Amino acid sequence: MKVLHVSNKPAYPKIDGGAIAISQLLLGLIANDQTDVTHFTLSTHKHPFDMRNYPTALSHQKIVNFPINTAVSISGALWSLIKNESYNVVRFYDPSVSKKMENYLTEHSFDYVILESIFLLPYAELFRSKGIKVILRAHNVEHHIWEQQAKRCRSFLKKVYFNKLAKQLKLYELNALKEVDGIMVISDQDARYFQNLFREKPITTIPTSFSSVNETSDYTKNDFYFLGAMDWTPNEEGVDWLLKKVLPMAHSSLKIHLAGKSMNCARLSSTQIHCHGEVDDAKSFILSHGICLIPIQSGSGIKIKLLENMALGKPIITTSEGARGVNVIHDVHVIIADSPKDFVDAMLELNNNTEKRIRLGTAARDFVIDNFSEEIISTRILEFITSI
């Protein structure tokens, strides 16, 4: 069975939740000896392709990249508004990329194509014209994110614009999904949403897998950290909430380490904040600190960073949105705190309670092993593909 795996950004380096989700699905496909996998990826200014970032274990795989300009421009955004089309989507379509894909498909045959995110759906007709079955892997219900951003936005003009983006994206998302042969989503909540809209279409939940790790978290560490790409709006919004609403209520002795791509350390300077900017090794950064903070206020799908930190056995404080899509139990696997006061109280408790850090971290790791192992997820991927 020949499978084409197409991503809107490279699977490596795993610098954000999207890249983690893409790379783990790629590994899951390759792990099945019944699949012959080719990996296509777009190469953008924000996420350039570099084969040196891919692990040596994938050096023998067929990997193809297509450079594309997805940079946001005022003229492009205005033109999309005039044409009433989703600027979020059209930025990822390029006729020259489509032609290169078509030339490749002329020389190589495939049974299935898996498109990572709705932003690749403009290419779906090309694959269908070649008799290839199209499966969308939806990381989120994308228009839900923009709807949430619009609701939380204080600027009237931004609110109007975000609402417009959400409506355009929803219209495109729901129309384009009618044409795919199957949908894989990351969370049960998103699966139910799509199932209510497309009752006859094969839809399943296949979460991101995580391998078990040998490293043991150092539970004597009681400092706090956040790691996330700041070019993703929910991360930026969450950090802003943490610094403006939570930190002023916290004792001055509590220190928070911030790291992530596109992080403006000059803006985040504080006696209680240690800003690291973009780090080379996410896992090393996580293991070098104590308590994980995930203050997400909006989003959709599963929060990959939650599972990544759980897999490393970290004690975690998050919000209901940060835990959405993962069936964790408050005060068993993580602490869920939605108000600034509850968040601060949780920080103080874990800062002072080594036993609770150990209990939460151990339960979190066990939860991931039992529910998100690579072996389990790889089997589910193959079962779904072959059922279409």
Protein backbone atom coordinates (compact mmCIF):
# COMPACT_ATOMS: atom_id res chain seq x y z
CA MET A 1 0.00 0.00 0.00
CA LYS A 2 1.54 3.29 -1.14
CA VAL A 3 0.84 6.30 1.07
CA LEU A 4 1.70 9.91 0.38
CA HIS A 5 2.03 12.00 3.54
CA VAL A 6 1.78 15.75 2.84
CA SER A 7 2.48 18.39 5.49
CA ASN A 8 2.15 22.18 5.42
CA LYS A 9 5.48 22.47 7.25
CA PRO A 10 8.43 20.13 7.88
CA ALA A 11 8.02 17.36 10.43
CA TYR A 12 11.40 18.28 11.93
CA PRO A 13 12.67 19.98 13.98
CA LYS A 14 9.91 19.31 16.51
CA ILE A 15 9.74 22.92 17.67
CA ASP A 16 5.99 23.15 18.24
CA GLY A 17 2.90 21.02 18.75
CA GLY A 18 2.08 20.95 15.05
CA ALA A 19 5.52 19.61 14.11
CA ILE A 20 5.28 17.00 16.86
CA ALA A 21 1.90 15.84 15.56
CA ILE A 22 3.20 15.67 11.97
CA SER A 23 6.41 13.84 12.86
CA GLN A 24 4.65 11.28 15.06
CA LEU A 25 2.10 10.44 12.36
CA LEU A 26 4.94 10.05 9.86
CA LEU A 27 6.72 7.66 12.22
CA GLY A 28 3.47 5.77 12.76
CA LEU A 29 3.01 5.30 9.02
CA ILE A 30 6.57 4.16 8.52
CA ALA A 31 6.34 1.71 11.43
CA ASN A 32 3.80 -0.39 9.49
CA ASP A 33 5.54 -2.85 7.17
CA GLN A 34 2.40 -2.81 4.99
CA THR A 35 2.94 0.81 3.95
CA ASP A 36 5.34 2.34 1.44
CA VAL A 37 5.52 5.97 2.56
CA THR A 38 6.61 9.13 0.75
CA HIS A 39 6.74 12.36 2.74
CA PHE A 40 5.95 15.66 0.97
CA THR A 41 6.41 18.91 2.89
CA LEU A 42 6.05 22.56 2.09
CA SER A 43 9.06 24.69 3.02
CA THR A 44 8.12 28.18 4.23
CA HIS A 45 9.93 31.24 5.56
CA LYS A 46 8.71 30.43 9.08
CA HIS A 47 9.35 26.71 8.74
CA PRO A 48 12.15 26.06 6.24
CA PHE A 49 12.99 22.51 5.24
CA ASP A 50 16.43 21.16 6.17
CA MET A 51 17.08 17.44 5.82
CA ARG A 52 19.69 17.71 8.56
CA ASN A 53 16.84 18.28 11.04
CA TYR A 54 15.33 14.90 10.21
CA PRO A 55 16.63 11.94 12.25
CA THR A 56 19.11 9.62 10.58
CA ALA A 57 16.57 6.81 10.92
CA LEU A 58 14.54 8.56 8.19
CA SER A 59 17.46 9.14 5.82
CA HIS A 60 16.40 6.20 3.65
CA GLN A 61 12.80 7.46 3.34
CA LYS A 62 11.49 9.20 0.24
CA ILE A 63 11.26 12.84 1.35
CA VAL A 64 10.41 15.69 -1.04
CA ASN A 65 10.09 19.39 -0.22
CA PHE A 66 8.44 22.23 -2.12
CA PRO A 67 9.44 25.84 -1.29
CA ILE A 68 6.45 28.19 -1.03
CA ASN A 69 5.96 31.82 0.03
CA THR A 70 3.29 31.95 2.76
CA ALA A 71 4.33 35.32 4.21
CA VAL A 72 1.42 37.46 5.36
CA SER A 73 0.96 40.67 3.38
CA ILE A 74 -1.52 43.52 3.80
CA SER A 75 -2.32 43.49 0.09
CA GLY A 76 -2.93 39.75 0.13
CA ALA A 77 -5.17 40.01 3.19
CA LEU A 78 -7.19 42.88 1.65
CA TRP A 79 -7.55 41.05 -1.67
CA SER A 80 -8.86 37.97 0.15
CA LEU A 81 -11.37 40.14 2.02
CA ILE A 82 -12.58 41.62 -1.28
CA LYS A 83 -12.87 38.18 -2.87
CA ASN A 84 -14.42 36.79 0.34
CA GLU A 85 -12.01 33.88 0.49
CA SER A 86 -10.04 32.51 3.42
CA TYR A 87 -6.63 34.17 3.51
CA ASN A 88 -5.56 31.51 6.03
CA VAL A 89 -5.97 28.90 3.29
CA VAL A 90 -4.98 30.69 0.06
CA ARG A 91 -1.52 31.51 1.44
CA PHE A 92 -0.69 27.81 1.23
CA TYR A 93 -1.70 27.35 -2.41
CA ASP A 94 0.80 28.04 -5.18
CA PRO A 95 0.23 27.00 -8.82
CA SER A 96 3.94 26.23 -9.23
CA VAL A 97 3.83 23.88 -6.24
CA SER A 98 0.72 22.24 -7.66
CA LYS A 99 2.51 21.72 -10.98
CA LYS A 100 5.52 20.16 -9.25
CA MET A 101 3.20 17.83 -7.35
CA GLU A 102 1.43 16.91 -10.57
CA ASN A 103 4.73 16.09 -12.27
CA TYR A 104 5.72 13.89 -9.34
CA LEU A 105 2.38 12.09 -9.42
CA THR A 106 2.83 11.41 -13.13
CA GLU A 107 5.97 9.43 -12.33
CA HIS A 108 4.80 7.79 -9.07
CA SER A 109 1.54 6.11 -8.10
CA PHE A 110 -0.15 6.19 -4.69
CA ASP A 111 -3.21 4.59 -3.13
CA TYR A 112 -3.79 7.16 -0.38
CA VAL A 113 -2.74 10.69 0.44
CA ILE A 114 -2.89 12.08 3.99
CA LEU A 115 -3.07 15.87 4.14
CA GLU A 116 -1.92 17.46 7.38
CA SER A 117 -4.42 20.28 8.04
CA ILE A 118 -7.12 21.96 5.97
CA PHE A 119 -4.56 24.38 4.56
CA LEU A 120 -3.56 21.67 2.08
CA LEU A 121 -7.09 21.00 0.84
CA PRO A 122 -6.67 23.29 -2.21
CA TYR A 123 -4.45 20.51 -3.60
CA ALA A 124 -7.02 17.76 -2.94
CA GLU A 125 -8.58 17.90 -6.41
CA LEU A 126 -5.18 17.17 -7.95
CA PHE A 127 -4.88 13.96 -5.95
CA ARG A 128 -8.46 12.94 -6.66
CA SER A 129 -7.86 13.42 -10.39
CA LYS A 130 -5.12 10.78 -10.12
CA GLY A 131 -7.46 8.29 -8.44
CA ILE A 132 -5.81 8.72 -5.03
CA LYS A 133 -8.06 8.52 -1.95
CA VAL A 134 -7.77 11.70 0.11
CA ILE A 135 -7.67 11.60 3.91
CA LEU A 136 -7.55 14.82 5.89
CA ARG A 137 -5.82 14.87 9.22
CA ALA A 138 -7.40 17.75 11.11
CA HIS A 139 -5.21 19.00 13.97
CA ASN A 140 -8.03 21.34 15.04
CA VAL A 141 -11.38 22.67 13.97
CA GLU A 142 -9.57 25.67 12.59
CA HIS A 143 -12.42 28.17 12.48
CA HIS A 144 -13.18 27.51 16.16
CA ILE A 145 -9.79 28.99 17.07
CA TRP A 146 -10.55 32.24 15.25
CA GLU A 147 -14.04 32.41 16.74
CA GLN A 148 -12.51 32.14 20.20
CA GLN A 149 -9.92 34.79 19.34
CA ALA A 150 -12.66 37.14 18.17
CA LYS A 151 -14.65 36.69 21.38
CA ARG A 152 -11.64 37.49 23.54
CA CYS A 153 -10.39 40.40 21.43
CA ARG A 154 -10.74 43.87 23.01
CA SER A 155 -10.04 45.86 19.87
CA PHE A 156 -13.24 46.44 17.89
CA LEU A 157 -11.48 46.41 14.52
CA LYS A 158 -9.58 43.24 15.34
CA LYS A 159 -12.77 41.62 16.59
CA VAL A 160 -14.52 42.43 13.31
CA TYR A 161 -11.58 41.15 11.27
CA PHE A 162 -11.18 37.95 13.30
CA ASN A 163 -14.90 37.25 13.01
CA LYS A 164 -14.62 37.69 9.25
CA LEU A 165 -11.64 35.32 9.11
CA ALA A 166 -13.55 32.76 11.18
CA LYS A 167 -16.61 32.91 8.88
CA GLN A 168 -14.49 32.60 5.73
CA LEU A 169 -12.49 29.75 7.19
CA LYS A 170 -15.63 27.93 8.37
CA LEU A 171 -17.25 28.22 4.95
CA TYR A 172 -14.16 26.86 3.24
CA GLU A 173 -13.53 24.17 5.85
CA LEU A 174 -17.03 22.71 5.74
CA ASN A 175 -17.33 22.82 1.94
CA ALA A 176 -13.89 21.35 1.24
CA LEU A 177 -14.35 18.51 3.72
CA LYS A 178 -17.34 17.24 1.76
CA GLU A 179 -14.94 16.11 -0.95
CA VAL A 180 -12.43 14.09 1.13
CA ASP A 181 -12.70 10.32 1.54
CA GLY A 182 -12.00 10.25 5.28
CA ILE A 183 -11.09 12.46 8.22
CA MET A 184 -8.65 11.72 11.04
CA VAL A 185 -8.85 14.06 14.02
CA ILE A 186 -6.74 14.30 17.15
CA SER A 187 -9.48 14.69 19.77
CA ASP A 188 -12.85 13.01 20.40
CA GLN A 189 -14.49 16.41 20.78
CA ASP A 190 -13.45 17.43 17.26
CA ALA A 191 -14.53 14.02 15.94
CA ARG A 192 -18.03 14.52 17.33
CA TYR A 193 -18.22 17.95 15.71
CA PHE A 194 -17.34 16.59 12.25
CA GLN A 195 -19.51 13.49 12.66
CA ASN A 196 -22.56 15.68 13.26
CA LEU A 197 -21.87 17.46 9.97
CA PHE A 198 -20.76 14.52 7.81
CA ARG A 199 -22.69 11.53 9.07
CA GLU A 200 -21.86 9.22 6.15
CA LYS A 201 -18.14 10.00 6.01
CA PRO A 202 -15.48 7.81 7.70
CA ILE A 203 -14.21 9.84 10.68
CA THR A 204 -12.04 8.65 13.53
CA THR A 205 -9.97 9.94 16.42
CA ILE A 206 -6.29 9.09 16.19
CA PRO A 207 -4.32 11.11 18.75
CA THR A 208 -0.65 11.90 18.52
CA SER A 209 1.55 9.10 19.78
CA PHE A 210 4.40 9.45 22.24
CA SER A 211 7.21 7.04 22.91
CA SER A 212 8.09 6.03 26.44
CA VAL A 213 11.23 7.75 27.73
CA ASN A 214 14.04 6.52 29.92
CA GLU A 215 14.76 9.85 31.56
CA THR A 216 13.47 10.33 35.10
CA SER A 217 12.20 13.76 36.06
CA ASP A 218 13.97 15.41 38.95
CA TYR A 219 11.13 16.09 41.38
CA THR A 220 13.36 18.10 43.69
CA LYS A 221 13.11 20.92 41.14
CA ASN A 222 10.27 23.25 42.07
CA ASP A 223 10.69 26.13 39.61
CA PHE A 224 8.18 26.77 36.80
CA TYR A 225 8.46 26.79 33.04
CA PHE A 226 6.48 27.40 29.86
CA LEU A 227 7.67 26.18 26.45
CA GLY A 228 5.74 27.10 23.32
CA ALA A 229 6.02 28.82 19.96
CA MET A 230 4.95 32.45 20.29
CA ASP A 231 3.96 32.71 16.63
CA TRP A 232 0.84 30.68 17.53
CA THR A 233 -1.80 33.06 18.88
CA PRO A 234 -3.17 30.81 21.68
CA ASN A 235 0.35 30.52 23.15
CA GLU A 236 0.90 34.27 23.00
CA GLU A 237 -2.50 34.86 24.57
CA GLY A 238 -1.83 32.30 27.31
CA VAL A 239 1.52 33.81 28.26
CA ASP A 240 -0.05 37.27 28.31
CA TRP A 241 -2.73 35.99 30.74
CA LEU A 242 -0.06 34.32 32.88
CA LEU A 243 2.07 37.46 33.14
CA LYS A 244 -0.71 40.04 33.53
CA LYS A 245 -3.31 38.14 35.56
CA VAL A 246 -1.47 35.39 37.43
CA LEU A 247 2.06 36.58 38.13
CA PRO A 248 1.06 39.79 39.95
CA MET A 249 -0.72 37.60 42.52
CA ALA A 250 2.26 35.26 42.99
CA HIS A 251 4.93 35.55 45.65
CA SER A 252 8.09 37.24 44.41
CA SER A 253 10.09 34.08 45.16
CA LEU A 254 8.28 32.14 42.42
CA LYS A 255 10.36 32.11 39.22
CA ILE A 256 9.11 31.25 35.73
CA HIS A 257 11.30 30.19 32.80
CA LEU A 258 9.88 31.00 29.37
CA ALA A 259 11.15 29.54 26.10
CA GLY A 260 9.90 29.15 22.57
CA LYS A 261 10.23 30.17 18.96
CA SER A 262 9.59 33.88 18.21
CA MET A 263 9.66 34.82 21.89
CA ASN A 264 10.38 38.51 22.49
CA CYS A 265 12.60 38.38 25.56
CA ALA A 266 13.00 42.15 25.71
CA ARG A 267 9.26 42.52 26.24
CA LEU A 268 9.16 39.74 28.81
CA SER A 269 11.91 41.07 31.07
CA SER A 270 11.06 40.79 34.79
CA THR A 271 12.64 39.88 38.11
CA GLN A 272 10.38 36.82 38.21
CA ILE A 273 10.85 35.87 34.54
CA HIS A 274 13.85 34.21 32.95
CA CYS A 275 13.33 34.32 29.18
CA HIS A 276 15.41 31.82 27.18
CA GLY A 277 14.02 32.52 23.70
CA GLU A 278 14.17 29.66 21.23
CA VAL A 279 15.95 26.61 22.62
CA ASP A 280 17.83 23.98 20.63
CA ASP A 281 16.58 20.98 22.59
CA ALA A 282 13.03 21.09 23.92
CA LYS A 283 13.34 17.90 25.95
CA SER A 284 16.51 19.08 27.69
CA PHE A 285 14.82 22.37 28.56
CA ILE A 286 11.79 20.56 30.00
CA LEU A 287 13.90 18.17 32.06
CA SER A 288 16.06 20.97 33.42
CA HIS A 289 13.07 22.57 35.14
CA GLY A 290 10.42 21.48 37.58
CA ILE A 291 6.74 22.35 37.12
CA CYS A 292 5.10 22.81 33.71
CA LEU A 293 2.67 25.69 33.16
CA ILE A 294 0.22 25.51 30.23
CA PRO A 295 -2.01 28.60 30.60
CA ILE A 296 -3.87 28.16 27.29
CA GLN A 297 -7.09 30.19 27.01
CA SER A 298 -8.27 29.21 23.53
CA GLY A 299 -7.69 26.61 20.85
CA SER A 300 -9.02 23.34 19.47
CA GLY A 301 -7.95 19.73 19.25
CA ILE A 302 -5.55 18.12 21.69
CA LYS A 303 -2.82 20.27 23.18
CA ILE A 304 0.27 18.37 22.07
CA LYS A 305 2.48 20.17 24.59
CA LEU A 306 0.36 18.76 27.40
CA LEU A 307 1.02 15.19 26.27
CA GLU A 308 4.70 15.89 25.58
CA ASN A 309 5.24 17.07 29.15
CA MET A 310 3.10 14.27 30.60
CA ALA A 311 5.22 11.72 28.71
CA LEU A 312 8.29 13.15 30.46
CA GLY A 313 6.63 12.72 33.85
CA LYS A 314 6.29 16.42 34.63
CA PRO A 315 3.84 17.83 37.20
CA ILE A 316 1.58 20.18 35.24
CA ILE A 317 -0.73 23.10 35.96
CA THR A 318 -3.04 23.92 33.06
CA THR A 319 -6.49 25.28 32.25
CA SER A 320 -9.63 23.48 31.11
CA GLU A 321 -8.78 24.59 27.57
CA GLY A 322 -5.21 23.38 27.98
CA ALA A 323 -6.48 19.93 28.95
CA ARG A 324 -9.29 19.82 26.40
CA GLY A 325 -9.37 16.68 24.28
CA VAL A 326 -7.38 14.62 26.78
CA ASN A 327 -9.34 12.67 29.38
CA VAL A 328 -7.12 13.66 32.28
CA ILE A 329 -8.54 13.97 35.79
CA HIS A 330 -7.95 17.06 37.88
CA ASP A 331 -5.61 16.44 40.81
CA VAL A 332 -4.87 12.92 39.53
CA HIS A 333 -2.91 13.47 36.31
CA VAL A 334 -2.64 17.29 36.24
CA ILE A 335 -3.97 20.29 38.14
CA ILE A 336 -6.63 22.25 36.23
CA ALA A 337 -7.03 25.89 37.27
CA ASP A 338 -9.03 28.42 35.26
CA SER A 339 -8.98 31.55 37.42
CA PRO A 340 -5.80 33.51 38.19
CA LYS A 341 -6.28 32.86 41.92
CA ASP A 342 -6.68 29.09 41.45
CA PHE A 343 -3.64 29.07 39.16
CA VAL A 344 -1.50 30.89 41.74
CA ASP A 345 -2.75 28.61 44.52
CA ALA A 346 -1.77 25.57 42.45
CA MET A 347 1.68 27.04 41.81
CA LEU A 348 2.24 27.62 45.54
CA GLU A 349 1.05 24.13 46.41
CA LEU A 350 3.31 22.34 43.92
CA ASN A 351 6.21 24.62 44.72
CA ASN A 352 6.05 23.48 48.35
CA ASN A 353 4.91 19.87 47.99
CA THR A 354 7.50 17.41 46.63
CA GLU A 355 5.25 14.42 47.28
CA LYS A 356 2.48 15.85 45.14
CA ARG A 357 4.92 16.66 42.33
CA ILE A 358 5.99 13.04 42.32
CA ARG A 359 2.42 11.73 42.41
CA LEU A 360 1.19 13.91 39.55
CA GLY A 361 4.27 13.39 37.38
CA THR A 362 4.18 9.61 37.76
CA ALA A 363 0.45 9.42 37.02
CA ALA A 364 0.89 11.66 33.97
CA ARG A 365 3.61 9.46 32.49
CA ASP A 366 1.59 6.28 33.10
CA PHE A 367 -1.46 7.87 31.44
CA VAL A 368 0.49 8.56 28.24
CA ILE A 369 2.02 5.08 28.15
CA ASP A 370 -1.40 3.44 28.56
CA ASN A 371 -3.22 5.60 26.00
CA PHE A 372 -0.77 7.12 23.52
CA SER A 373 1.99 4.58 22.88
CA GLU A 374 3.44 4.45 19.36
CA GLU A 375 2.44 0.80 18.95
CA ILE A 376 -1.23 1.45 19.74
CA ILE A 377 -1.52 4.52 17.54
CA SER A 378 0.35 2.97 14.60
CA THR A 379 -2.10 0.07 14.51
CA ARG A 380 -5.10 2.41 14.60
CA ILE A 381 -3.70 4.49 11.71
CA LEU A 382 -3.38 1.45 9.45
CA GLU A 383 -6.82 0.10 10.41
CA PHE A 384 -8.48 3.39 9.49
CA ILE A 385 -6.65 3.85 6.19
CA THR A 386 -7.48 0.35 4.98
CA SER A 387 -11.14 0.75 5.96
CA ILE A 388 -11.66 3.55 3.41
